[in-house]
Amino acid sequence: STTCLSMALDDAMKNRLDGIRRSYLTLTERLGDPDVISNSNLLRQVMKDRSQSEEVVMAFDEYCRLDEELEGAVELFQEAGDDAEMRE
C-alpha cells in the first residue's frame, strides 16, 4: 500500500536527499578532525558547506520520521480490520 508521504518523494529524490545527508554527516565528522580545526580557512569552508545543507537535512530527517510513523499507523489500521473500536 502506498502512503501519501511515500508518493510525495520519488526514489530519485530520496536518493539525492540521502546523498546530501551523507555529505552533511561527513562534514560534521570533519569538524572534529585536528587537521581541519588547525586550518582556519579549511574550518571556515567546512562549516560553510555544512551550514548550506543543514536545513535540507533536518527537513528530510523529519520527513523520514513522519513517513515511518505513517507506515506504522497504516499497519495498525489495517490490522484492526473490522474492529471499529480499534479504528477510533
Protein backbone atom coordinates (compact mmCIF):
# COMPACT_ATOMS: atom_id res chain seq x y z
CA SER A 1 0.00 0.00 0.00
CA THR A 2 1.33 3.41 -0.95
CA THR A 3 1.03 6.24 1.54
CA CYS A 4 0.61 9.93 0.74
CA LEU A 5 4.06 10.75 2.09
CA SER A 6 5.70 7.97 0.09
CA MET A 7 4.21 9.41 -3.06
CA ALA A 8 5.49 12.89 -2.20
CA LEU A 9 9.12 11.99 -2.96
CA ASP A 10 10.16 9.64 -5.72
CA ASP A 11 13.12 7.29 -5.31
CA ALA A 12 15.48 9.54 -7.28
CA MET A 13 14.75 12.49 -4.98
CA LYS A 14 15.06 10.32 -1.84
CA ASN A 15 18.43 9.07 -3.09
CA ARG A 16 19.58 12.63 -3.80
CA LEU A 17 18.48 13.80 -0.35
CA ASP A 18 20.15 10.79 1.27
CA GLY A 19 23.37 11.75 -0.52
CA ILE A 20 23.10 15.28 0.84
CA ARG A 21 22.56 13.81 4.33
CA ARG A 22 25.66 11.59 3.98
CA SER A 23 27.74 14.60 2.87
CA TYR A 24 26.39 16.60 5.82
CA LEU A 25 27.37 13.82 8.25
CA THR A 26 30.83 13.61 6.70
CA LEU A 27 31.27 17.37 7.06
CA THR A 28 30.09 17.12 10.68
CA GLU A 29 32.76 14.49 11.35
CA ARG A 30 35.40 16.67 9.68
CA LEU A 31 34.66 19.43 12.21
CA GLY A 32 36.33 17.20 14.80
CA ASP A 33 39.39 16.49 12.64
CA PRO A 34 42.53 18.12 14.11
CA ASP A 35 43.78 18.96 10.60
CA VAL A 36 40.56 20.87 9.89
CA ILE A 37 40.49 22.55 13.31
CA SER A 38 44.08 23.77 12.92
CA ASN A 39 43.44 25.29 9.47
CA SER A 40 41.11 28.27 9.86
CA ASN A 41 40.40 28.56 6.12
CA LEU A 42 39.51 24.88 5.82
CA LEU A 43 37.46 25.02 9.01
CA ARG A 44 35.52 28.01 7.70
CA GLN A 45 34.87 26.21 4.38
CA VAL A 46 33.70 23.00 6.08
CA MET A 47 31.39 24.98 8.37
CA LYS A 48 30.01 26.93 5.39
CA ASP A 49 29.42 23.78 3.31
CA ARG A 50 27.77 22.06 6.27
CA SER A 51 25.50 25.01 7.06
CA GLN A 52 24.31 25.16 3.44
CA SER A 53 22.82 21.67 3.68
CA GLU A 54 21.73 21.65 7.34
CA GLU A 55 18.17 22.89 6.79
CA VAL A 56 17.58 20.39 3.96
CA VAL A 57 18.96 17.52 6.06
CA MET A 58 16.83 18.44 9.08
CA ALA A 59 13.70 18.63 6.91
CA PHE A 60 14.49 15.29 5.23
CA ASP A 61 15.10 13.63 8.62
CA GLU A 62 11.72 14.93 9.79
CA TYR A 63 10.10 13.68 6.58
CA CYS A 64 11.60 10.20 7.12
CA ARG A 65 10.45 10.13 10.74
CA LEU A 66 6.90 11.12 9.79
CA ASP A 67 6.86 8.62 6.92
CA GLU A 68 7.78 5.83 9.36
CA GLU A 69 5.08 6.96 11.79
CA LEU A 70 2.52 6.98 8.99
CA GLU A 71 3.53 3.49 7.87
CA GLY A 72 3.09 2.25 11.45
CA ALA A 73 -0.32 3.91 11.73
CA VAL A 74 -1.44 2.40 8.41
CA GLU A 75 -0.32 -1.06 9.57
CA LEU A 76 -2.24 -0.68 12.83
CA PHE A 77 -5.32 0.45 10.93
CA GLN A 78 -5.08 -2.49 8.55
CA GLU A 79 -4.54 -4.94 11.43
CA ALA A 80 -7.62 -3.53 13.17
CA GLY A 81 -9.67 -4.68 10.18
CA ASP A 82 -13.34 -4.69 11.08
CA ASP A 83 -12.72 -3.78 14.73
CA ALA A 84 -14.44 -0.38 14.76
CA GLU A 85 -13.22 0.38 18.28
CA MET A 86 -9.58 -0.06 17.23
CA ARG A 87 -10.04 2.26 14.26
CA GLU A 88 -11.05 5.14 16.51
